[in-house]
Amino acid sequence: MLEHLLLTTSGGEIFADGMIVGLREGNPLRVRYKVRCDAAWRVRSVRVAALDSSKTPGVDLLSDGEGSWKTRGGEAAPELDGCVDVDISATPFTNTLPIRRLGLAPGESVDIAVAYVGVGEMQVWDEPQRYTCLERRSDGGLYRFKALDGGFMADLPVDADSLVLDYPDLFRRVFSG
């Protein structure tokens, strides 16, 4: 897969606008996402849409930044209660959100629940995860990610902005402008 991410800040907020194209399980995939965070890197809104199919509804949610979610139409999403971060399955960018928000010191570990967006089915559910800071330097660091339900684990090197450089066997940054 190939991703283009535009990450900007304005008025104390962080905006991520990403486009992902590629193959998923042998099928073409084109996904666009937008994530808005407050200055503390707490997710305030997320939109994810498949661009190649009008048959699949997208995900469009708002958050209070404290773990309460609702649809853009105002309907509560209690199944996501307690989730402060979002994890979009097709991008390593969303690993940056808890890494930045938590500010872990080397050796520290925190279990969190995230609003996980499966882009294949455009469904969202809560998922328990663990982040551990293995190393922190001025030019980046190394974090261990673990999906607590399935046991998937990866060590993620990040740059000075806590953006993932390499997600073993899944993603690798090829350009940074």
Foldseek 3Di string as FASTA:
>chain_A
DDKDWDWDDDPQKIKIWMWDWDDDPRHTWIKIKIWMAGNLLFTAWMWMDTPPDPVADAATWGDPLQFWIDHPVGHTDVQRGQARFEAEPQDQQSVLSCCSNVVDDAADKDKGWHFYADNVRNDTGIWIKMKHFNFQDQQWGWIWIAGVVPGDIFIFTAGNSRRTQDTPPRDHDDDDD
